[in-house]
Amino acid sequence: MQLNYIANASQPSSSGLTIAVVDPSDGQTYDQIQRSNASDIDLAVRAARQCLDAVWRKLGAVERGRLLMRLSQKISEHVEELAAIE
């Protein structure tokens, strides 16, 4: 089962509900994802805002650029896996 990822932690939705992920080729359920609600979204937005204020905003432009380039490289290294997941 796929959990929400908020503030560097995997966690279930506050509702405890899930949604079946169905393979369209055969109609079979192969996973469950969280059925998030407004409460979960608020929590994620607060966590993102806290990170922005506490970490990201304090980094210089050059360091932010380096981190984004590293992220780009990691995406490129895993492009096939990411495409399959998508």
PDB file of N, CA and C in Angstrom:
ATOM      1  N   MET A   1       0.839  -1.170   0.000  1.00  0.00           N
ATOM      2  CA  MET A   1       0.000   0.000   0.000  1.00  0.00           C
ATOM      3  C   MET A   1       0.892   1.244   0.000  1.00  0.00           C
ATOM      4  N   GLN A   2       0.516   2.178  -0.831  1.00  0.00           N
ATOM      5  CA  GLN A   2       1.256   3.429  -0.939  1.00  0.00           C
ATOM      6  C   GLN A   2       0.744   4.423   0.107  1.00  0.00           C
ATOM      7  N   LEU A   3       1.656   4.995   0.873  1.00  0.00           N
ATOM      8  CA  LEU A   3       1.296   5.975   1.894  1.00  0.00           C
ATOM      9  C   LEU A   3       1.577   7.383   1.386  1.00  0.00           C
ATOM     10  N   ASN A   4       0.992   8.362   2.045  1.00  0.00           N
ATOM     11  CA  ASN A   4       1.345   9.750   1.774  1.00  0.00           C
ATOM     12  C   ASN A   4       2.768   9.982   2.259  1.00  0.00           C
ATOM     13  N   TYR A   5       3.476  10.868   1.600  1.00  0.00           N
ATOM     14  CA  TYR A   5       4.826  11.221   2.027  1.00  0.00           C
ATOM     15  C   TYR A   5       4.809  12.703   2.361  1.00  0.00           C
ATOM     16  N   ILE A   6       4.782  13.009   3.643  1.00  0.00           N
ATOM     17  CA  ILE A   6       4.672  14.378   4.123  1.00  0.00           C
ATOM     18  C   ILE A   6       5.737  14.616   5.186  1.00  0.00           C
ATOM     19  N   ALA A   7       6.490  15.692   5.034  1.00  0.00           N
ATOM     20  CA  ALA A   7       7.512  16.077   6.022  1.00  0.00           C
ATOM     21  C   ALA A   7       8.506  14.943   6.272  1.00  0.00           C
ATOM     22  N   ASN A   8       8.994  14.345   5.189  1.00  0.00           N
ATOM     23  CA  ASN A   8       9.983  13.264   5.256  1.00  0.00           C
ATOM     24  C   ASN A   8       9.490  12.024   5.985  1.00  0.00           C
ATOM     25  N   ALA A   9       8.199  11.783   5.962  1.00  0.00           N
ATOM     26  CA  ALA A   9       7.661  10.603   6.624  1.00  0.00           C
ATOM     27  C   ALA A   9       6.505  10.018   5.809  1.00  0.00           C
ATOM     28  N   SER A  10       6.479   8.694   5.738  1.00  0.00           N
ATOM     29  CA  SER A  10       5.357   7.999   5.108  1.00  0.00           C
ATOM     30  C   SER A  10       4.260   7.855   6.146  1.00  0.00           C
ATOM     31  N   GLN A  11       3.038   8.203   5.753  1.00  0.00           N
ATOM     32  CA  GLN A  11       1.937   8.126   6.715  1.00  0.00           C
ATOM     33  C   GLN A  11       0.621   7.896   5.994  1.00  0.00           C
ATOM     34  N   PRO A  12      -0.301   7.234   6.671  1.00  0.00           N
ATOM     35  CA  PRO A  12      -1.618   7.017   6.072  1.00  0.00           C
ATOM     36  C   PRO A  12      -2.415   8.321   6.052  1.00  0.00           C
ATOM     37  N   SER A  13      -3.456   8.341   5.263  1.00  0.00           N
ATOM     38  CA  SER A  13      -4.331   9.515   5.237  1.00  0.00           C
ATOM     39  C   SER A  13      -5.048   9.631   6.576  1.00  0.00           C
ATOM     40  N   SER A  14      -5.464  10.849   6.909  1.00  0.00           N
ATOM     41  CA  SER A  14      -6.155  11.054   8.185  1.00  0.00           C
ATOM     42  C   SER A  14      -7.505  10.338   8.215  1.00  0.00           C
ATOM     43  N   SER A  15      -8.085  10.091   7.054  1.00  0.00           N
ATOM     44  CA  SER A  15      -9.372   9.392   6.997  1.00  0.00           C
ATOM     45  C   SER A  15      -9.214   7.886   7.184  1.00  0.00           C
ATOM     46  N   GLY A  16      -8.012   7.381   6.891  1.00  0.00           N
ATOM     47  CA  GLY A  16      -7.791   5.944   6.947  1.00  0.00           C
ATOM     48  C   GLY A  16      -8.322   5.200   5.732  1.00  0.00           C
ATOM     49  N   LEU A  17      -8.884   5.942   4.776  1.00  0.00           N
ATOM     50  CA  LEU A  17      -9.455   5.324   3.580  1.00  0.00           C
ATOM     51  C   LEU A  17      -8.406   5.191   2.487  1.00  0.00           C
ATOM     52  N   THR A  18      -8.621   4.233   1.598  1.00  0.00           N
ATOM     53  CA  THR A  18      -7.723   4.020   0.465  1.00  0.00           C
ATOM     54  C   THR A  18      -8.523   3.929  -0.825  1.00  0.00           C
ATOM     55  N   ILE A  19      -7.801   3.985  -1.935  1.00  0.00           N
ATOM     56  CA  ILE A  19      -8.375   3.847  -3.270  1.00  0.00           C
ATOM     57  C   ILE A  19      -7.633   2.715  -3.965  1.00  0.00           C
ATOM     58  N   ALA A  20      -8.361   1.827  -4.581  1.00  0.00           N
ATOM     59  CA  ALA A  20      -7.743   0.728  -5.324  1.00  0.00           C
ATOM     60  C   ALA A  20      -7.101   1.273  -6.596  1.00  0.00           C
ATOM     61  N   VAL A  21      -5.913   0.763  -6.920  1.00  0.00           N
ATOM     62  CA  VAL A  21      -5.248   1.080  -8.183  1.00  0.00           C
ATOM     63  C   VAL A  21      -5.441  -0.132  -9.087  1.00  0.00           C
ATOM     64  N   VAL A  22      -6.108   0.090 -10.196  1.00  0.00           N
ATOM     65  CA  VAL A  22      -6.516  -1.012 -11.072  1.00  0.00           C
ATOM     66  C   VAL A  22      -5.717  -0.979 -12.367  1.00  0.00           C
ATOM     67  N   ASP A  23      -5.233  -2.133 -12.766  1.00  0.00           N
ATOM     68  CA  ASP A  23      -4.544  -2.271 -14.044  1.00  0.00           C
ATOM     69  C   ASP A  23      -5.610  -2.250 -15.145  1.00  0.00           C
ATOM     70  N   PRO A  24      -5.577  -1.255 -16.026  1.00  0.00           N
ATOM     71  CA  PRO A  24      -6.622  -1.169 -17.050  1.00  0.00           C
ATOM     72  C   PRO A  24      -6.579  -2.299 -18.069  1.00  0.00           C
ATOM     73  N   SER A  25      -5.449  -2.985 -18.164  1.00  0.00           N
ATOM     74  CA  SER A  25      -5.365  -4.062 -19.157  1.00  0.00           C
ATOM     75  C   SER A  25      -6.121  -5.308 -18.740  1.00  0.00           C
ATOM     76  N   ASP A  26      -6.257  -5.527 -17.400  1.00  0.00           N
ATOM     77  CA  ASP A  26      -6.959  -6.737 -16.971  1.00  0.00           C
ATOM     78  C   ASP A  26      -7.992  -6.488 -15.870  1.00  0.00           C
ATOM     79  N   GLY A  27      -8.113  -5.250 -15.426  1.00  0.00           N
ATOM     80  CA  GLY A  27      -9.109  -4.911 -14.415  1.00  0.00           C
ATOM     81  C   GLY A  27      -8.773  -5.373 -13.010  1.00  0.00           C
ATOM     82  N   GLN A  28      -7.552  -5.874 -12.816  1.00  0.00           N
ATOM     83  CA  GLN A  28      -7.153  -6.377 -11.510  1.00  0.00           C
ATOM     84  C   GLN A  28      -6.554  -5.262 -10.654  1.00  0.00           C
ATOM     85  N   THR A  29      -6.893  -5.269  -9.370  1.00  0.00           N
ATOM     86  CA  THR A  29      -6.303  -4.328  -8.415  1.00  0.00           C
ATOM     87  C   THR A  29      -4.890  -4.798  -8.105  1.00  0.00           C
ATOM     88  N   TYR A  30      -3.924  -3.861  -8.206  1.00  0.00           N
ATOM     89  CA  TYR A  30      -2.549  -4.248  -7.903  1.00  0.00           C
ATOM     90  C   TYR A  30      -1.939  -3.436  -6.774  1.00  0.00           C
ATOM     91  N   ASP A  31      -2.652  -2.434  -6.264  1.00  0.00           N
ATOM     92  CA  ASP A  31      -2.136  -1.662  -5.145  1.00  0.00           C
ATOM     93  C   ASP A  31      -3.266  -0.824  -4.557  1.00  0.00           C
ATOM     94  N   GLN A  32      -2.980  -0.188  -3.466  1.00  0.00           N
ATOM     95  CA  GLN A  32      -3.895   0.753  -2.828  1.00  0.00           C
ATOM     96  C   GLN A  32      -3.130   2.053  -2.588  1.00  0.00           C
ATOM     97  N   ILE A  33      -3.796   3.178  -2.766  1.00  0.00           N
ATOM     98  CA  ILE A  33      -3.208   4.470  -2.433  1.00  0.00           C
ATOM     99  C   ILE A  33      -4.106   5.144  -1.405  1.00  0.00           C
ATOM    100  N   GLN A  34      -3.552   6.133  -0.734  1.00  0.00           N
ATOM    101  CA  GLN A  34      -4.311   6.838   0.290  1.00  0.00           C
ATOM    102  C   GLN A  34      -5.398   7.713  -0.324  1.00  0.00           C
ATOM    103  N   ARG A  35      -6.552   7.729   0.299  1.00  0.00           N
ATOM    104  CA  ARG A  35      -7.633   8.628  -0.099  1.00  0.00           C
ATOM    105  C   ARG A  35      -7.505   9.859   0.788  1.00  0.00           C
ATOM    106  N   SER A  36      -6.630  10.758   0.368  1.00  0.00           N
ATOM    107  CA  SER A  36      -6.334  11.948   1.157  1.00  0.00           C
ATOM    108  C   SER A  36      -7.486  12.936   1.085  1.00  0.00           C
ATOM    109  N   ASN A  37      -7.564  13.777   2.094  1.00  0.00           N
ATOM    110  CA  ASN A  37      -8.614  14.780   2.143  1.00  0.00           C
ATOM    111  C   ASN A  37      -8.003  16.152   2.439  1.00  0.00           C
ATOM    112  N   ALA A  38      -8.838  17.136   2.689  1.00  0.00           N
ATOM    113  CA  ALA A  38      -8.361  18.502   2.916  1.00  0.00           C
ATOM    114  C   ALA A  38      -7.397  18.576   4.097  1.00  0.00           C
ATOM    115  N   SER A  39      -7.624  17.783   5.113  1.00  0.00           N
ATOM    116  CA  SER A  39      -6.740  17.765   6.279  1.00  0.00           C
ATOM    117  C   SER A  39      -5.329  17.322   5.888  1.00  0.00           C
ATOM    118  N   ASP A  40      -5.235  16.300   5.048  1.00  0.00           N
ATOM    119  CA  ASP A  40      -3.934  15.813   4.581  1.00  0.00           C
ATOM    120  C   ASP A  40      -3.243  16.869   3.716  1.00  0.00           C
ATOM    121  N   ILE A  41      -4.017  17.522   2.883  1.00  0.00           N
ATOM    122  CA  ILE A  41      -3.451  18.567   2.024  1.00  0.00           C
ATOM    123  C   ILE A  41      -2.928  19.708   2.872  1.00  0.00           C
ATOM    124  N   ASP A  42      -3.700  20.130   3.868  1.00  0.00           N
ATOM    125  CA  ASP A  42      -3.242  21.204   4.760  1.00  0.00           C
ATOM    126  C   ASP A  42      -1.943  20.826   5.455  1.00  0.00           C
ATOM    127  N   LEU A  43      -1.850  19.589   5.918  1.00  0.00           N
ATOM    128  CA  LEU A  43      -0.632  19.114   6.578  1.00  0.00           C
ATOM    129  C   LEU A  43       0.554  19.162   5.617  1.00  0.00           C
ATOM    130  N   ALA A  44       0.355  18.722   4.386  1.00  0.00           N
ATOM    131  CA  ALA A  44       1.434  18.732   3.393  1.00  0.00           C
ATOM    132  C   ALA A  44       1.853  20.151   3.046  1.00  0.00           C
ATOM    133  N   VAL A  45       0.894  21.040   2.905  1.00  0.00           N
ATOM    134  CA  VAL A  45       1.218  22.431   2.579  1.00  0.00           C
ATOM    135  C   VAL A  45       1.974  23.085   3.731  1.00  0.00           C
ATOM    136  N   ARG A  46       1.544  22.831   4.968  1.00  0.00           N
ATOM    137  CA  ARG A  46       2.264  23.394   6.129  1.00  0.00           C
ATOM    138  C   ARG A  46       3.696  22.862   6.186  1.00  0.00           C
ATOM    139  N   ALA A  47       3.874  21.582   5.918  1.00  0.00           N
ATOM    140  CA  ALA A  47       5.219  20.996   5.936  1.00  0.00           C
ATOM    141  C   ALA A  47       6.091  21.605   4.842  1.00  0.00           C
ATOM    142  N   ALA A  48       5.519  21.797   3.657  1.00  0.00           N
ATOM    143  CA  ALA A  48       6.276  22.401   2.561  1.00  0.00           C
ATOM    144  C   ALA A  48       6.640  23.842   2.889  1.00  0.00           C
ATOM    145  N   ARG A  49       5.712  24.575   3.465  1.00  0.00           N
ATOM    146  CA  ARG A  49       5.979  25.967   3.845  1.00  0.00           C
ATOM    147  C   ARG A  49       7.072  26.036   4.903  1.00  0.00           C
ATOM    148  N   GLN A  50       7.034  25.131   5.860  1.00  0.00           N
ATOM    149  CA  GLN A  50       8.052  25.104   6.908  1.00  0.00           C
ATOM    150  C   GLN A  50       9.429  24.833   6.312  1.00  0.00           C
ATOM    151  N   CYS A  51       9.502  23.892   5.385  1.00  0.00           N
ATOM    152  CA  CYS A  51      10.772  23.595   4.723  1.00  0.00           C
ATOM    153  C   CYS A  51      11.259  24.798   3.928  1.00  0.00           C
ATOM    154  N   LEU A  52      10.353  25.439   3.209  1.00  0.00           N
ATOM    155  CA  LEU A  52      10.716  26.635   2.446  1.00  0.00           C
ATOM    156  C   LEU A  52      11.301  27.688   3.373  1.00  0.00           C
ATOM    157  N   ASP A  53      10.628  27.958   4.466  1.00  0.00           N
ATOM    158  CA  ASP A  53      11.068  29.011   5.381  1.00  0.00           C
ATOM    159  C   ASP A  53      12.323  28.636   6.157  1.00  0.00           C
ATOM    160  N   ALA A  54      12.432  27.380   6.576  1.00  0.00           N
ATOM    161  CA  ALA A  54      13.538  26.966   7.440  1.00  0.00           C
ATOM    162  C   ALA A  54      14.793  26.561   6.682  1.00  0.00           C
ATOM    163  N   VAL A  55      14.651  26.073   5.463  1.00  0.00           N
ATOM    164  CA  VAL A  55      15.807  25.512   4.759  1.00  0.00           C
ATOM    165  C   VAL A  55      16.038  26.165   3.401  1.00  0.00           C
ATOM    166  N   TRP A  56      15.099  25.983   2.503  1.00  0.00           N
ATOM    167  CA  TRP A  56      15.296  26.357   1.097  1.00  0.00           C
ATOM    168  C   TRP A  56      15.606  27.840   0.935  1.00  0.00           C
ATOM    169  N   ARG A  57      14.831  28.683   1.597  1.00  0.00           N
ATOM    170  CA  ARG A  57      14.998  30.125   1.468  1.00  0.00           C
ATOM    171  C   ARG A  57      16.362  30.591   1.980  1.00  0.00           C
ATOM    172  N   LYS A  58      16.949  29.851   2.920  1.00  0.00           N
ATOM    173  CA  LYS A  58      18.244  30.227   3.502  1.00  0.00           C
ATOM    174  C   LYS A  58      19.420  29.829   2.614  1.00  0.00           C
ATOM    175  N   LEU A  59      19.183  28.953   1.648  1.00  0.00           N
ATOM    176  CA  LEU A  59      20.251  28.546   0.737  1.00  0.00           C
ATOM    177  C   LEU A  59      20.467  29.639  -0.300  1.00  0.00           C
ATOM    178  N   GLY A  60      21.716  29.810  -0.690  1.00  0.00           N
ATOM    179  CA  GLY A  60      22.020  30.756  -1.753  1.00  0.00           C
ATOM    180  C   GLY A  60      21.573  30.204  -3.100  1.00  0.00           C
ATOM    181  N   ALA A  61      21.479  31.084  -4.068  1.00  0.00           N
ATOM    182  CA  ALA A  61      21.020  30.696  -5.404  1.00  0.00           C
ATOM    183  C   ALA A  61      21.915  29.620  -6.020  1.00  0.00           C
ATOM    184  N   VAL A  62      23.218  29.722  -5.818  1.00  0.00           N
ATOM    185  CA  VAL A  62      24.147  28.739  -6.389  1.00  0.00           C
ATOM    186  C   VAL A  62      23.896  27.358  -5.776  1.00  0.00           C
ATOM    187  N   GLU A  63      23.731  27.306  -4.472  1.00  0.00           N
ATOM    188  CA  GLU A  63      23.486  26.017  -3.812  1.00  0.00           C
ATOM    189  C   GLU A  63      22.136  25.429  -4.231  1.00  0.00           C
ATOM    190  N   ARG A  64      21.109  26.249  -4.339  1.00  0.00           N
ATOM    191  CA  ARG A  64      19.814  25.759  -4.819  1.00  0.00           C
ATOM    192  C   ARG A  64      19.962  25.205  -6.231  1.00  0.00           C
ATOM    193  N   GLY A  65      20.720  25.903  -7.062  1.00  0.00           N
ATOM    194  CA  GLY A  65      20.962  25.426  -8.426  1.00  0.00           C
ATOM    195  C   GLY A  65      21.662  24.081  -8.438  1.00  0.00           C
ATOM    196  N   ARG A  66      22.656  23.917  -7.573  1.00  0.00           N
ATOM    197  CA  ARG A  66      23.371  22.636  -7.485  1.00  0.00           C
ATOM    198  C   ARG A  66      22.426  21.510  -7.073  1.00  0.00           C
ATOM    199  N   LEU A  67      21.584  21.783  -6.093  1.00  0.00           N
ATOM    200  CA  LEU A  67      20.643  20.763  -5.648  1.00  0.00           C
ATOM    201  C   LEU A  67      19.657  20.397  -6.755  1.00  0.00           C
ATOM    202  N   LEU A  68      19.178  21.382  -7.484  1.00  0.00           N
ATOM    203  CA  LEU A  68      18.261  21.099  -8.589  1.00  0.00           C
ATOM    204  C   LEU A  68      18.953  20.321  -9.701  1.00  0.00           C
ATOM    205  N   MET A  69      20.213  20.617  -9.950  1.00  0.00           N
ATOM    206  CA  MET A  69      20.962  19.847 -10.948  1.00  0.00           C
ATOM    207  C   MET A  69      21.148  18.401 -10.497  1.00  0.00           C
ATOM    208  N   ARG A  70      21.407  18.185  -9.206  1.00  0.00           N
ATOM    209  CA  ARG A  70      21.520  16.816  -8.688  1.00  0.00           C
ATOM    210  C   ARG A  70      20.197  16.074  -8.828  1.00  0.00           C
ATOM    211  N   LEU A  71      19.099  16.774  -8.549  1.00  0.00           N
ATOM    212  CA  LEU A  71      17.789  16.155  -8.719  1.00  0.00           C
ATOM    213  C   LEU A  71      17.560  15.780 -10.180  1.00  0.00           C
ATOM    214  N   SER A  72      17.912  16.680 -11.075  1.00  0.00           N
ATOM    215  CA  SER A  72      17.775  16.416 -12.506  1.00  0.00           C
ATOM    216  C   SER A  72      18.585  15.189 -12.912  1.00  0.00           C
ATOM    217  N   GLN A  73      19.788  15.078 -12.379  1.00  0.00           N
ATOM    218  CA  GLN A  73      20.647  13.926 -12.698  1.00  0.00           C
ATOM    219  C   GLN A  73      20.013  12.630 -12.198  1.00  0.00           C
ATOM    220  N   LYS A  74      19.473  12.657 -10.980  1.00  0.00           N
ATOM    221  CA  LYS A  74      18.834  11.451 -10.430  1.00  0.00           C
ATOM    222  C   LYS A  74      17.617  11.050 -11.256  1.00  0.00           C
ATOM    223  N   ILE A  75      16.848  12.031 -11.707  1.00  0.00           N
ATOM    224  CA  ILE A  75      15.696  11.728 -12.567  1.00  0.00           C
ATOM    225  C   ILE A  75      16.177  11.083 -13.858  1.00  0.00           C
ATOM    226  N   SER A  76      17.229  11.635 -14.451  1.00  0.00           N
ATOM    227  CA  SER A  76      17.778  11.072 -15.688  1.00  0.00           C
ATOM    228  C   SER A  76      18.271   9.646 -15.484  1.00  0.00           C
ATOM    229  N   GLU A  77      18.895   9.384 -14.331  1.00  0.00           N
ATOM    230  CA  GLU A  77      19.420   8.047 -14.037  1.00  0.00           C
ATOM    231  C   GLU A  77      18.292   7.022 -13.889  1.00  0.00           C
ATOM    232  N   HIS A  78      17.126   7.459 -13.503  1.00  0.00           N
ATOM    233  CA  HIS A  78      16.014   6.543 -13.227  1.00  0.00           C
ATOM    234  C   HIS A  78      14.828   6.775 -14.156  1.00  0.00           C
ATOM    235  N   VAL A  79      15.087   7.321 -15.328  1.00  0.00           N
ATOM    236  CA  VAL A  79      14.001   7.702 -16.227  1.00  0.00           C
ATOM    237  C   VAL A  79      13.127   6.506 -16.633  1.00  0.00           C
ATOM    238  N   GLU A  80      13.727   5.369 -16.894  1.00  0.00           N
ATOM    239  CA  GLU A  80      12.936   4.195 -17.297  1.00  0.00           C
ATOM    240  C   GLU A  80      12.033   3.719 -16.151  1.00  0.00           C
ATOM    241  N   GLU A  81      12.582   3.667 -14.962  1.00  0.00           N
ATOM    242  CA  GLU A  81      11.801   3.244 -13.789  1.00  0.00           C
ATOM    243  C   GLU A  81      10.664   4.236 -13.526  1.00  0.00           C
ATOM    244  N   LEU A  82      10.965   5.505 -13.609  1.00  0.00           N
ATOM    245  CA  LEU A  82       9.935   6.527 -13.377  1.00  0.00           C
ATOM    246  C   LEU A  82       8.839   6.470 -14.443  1.00  0.00           C
ATOM    247  N   ALA A  83       9.251   6.215 -15.683  1.00  0.00           N
ATOM    248  CA  ALA A  83       8.265   6.104 -16.762  1.00  0.00           C
ATOM    249  C   ALA A  83       7.357   4.904 -16.536  1.00  0.00           C
ATOM    250  N   ALA A  84       7.920   3.805 -16.062  1.00  0.00           N
ATOM    251  CA  ALA A  84       7.109   2.616 -15.800  1.00  0.00           C
ATOM    252  C   ALA A  84       6.122   2.858 -14.667  1.00  0.00           C
ATOM    253  N   ILE A  85       6.573   3.578 -13.649  1.00  0.00           N
ATOM    254  CA  ILE A  85       5.689   3.893 -12.519  1.00  0.00           C
ATOM    255  C   ILE A  85       4.559   4.794 -12.986  1.00  0.00           C
ATOM    256  N   GLU A  86       4.919   5.784 -13.785  1.00  0.00           N
ATOM    257  CA  GLU A  86       3.916   6.740 -14.287  1.00  0.00           C
ATOM    258  C   GLU A  86       2.905   6.035 -15.156  1.00  0.00           C
TER     259      GLU A  86
END
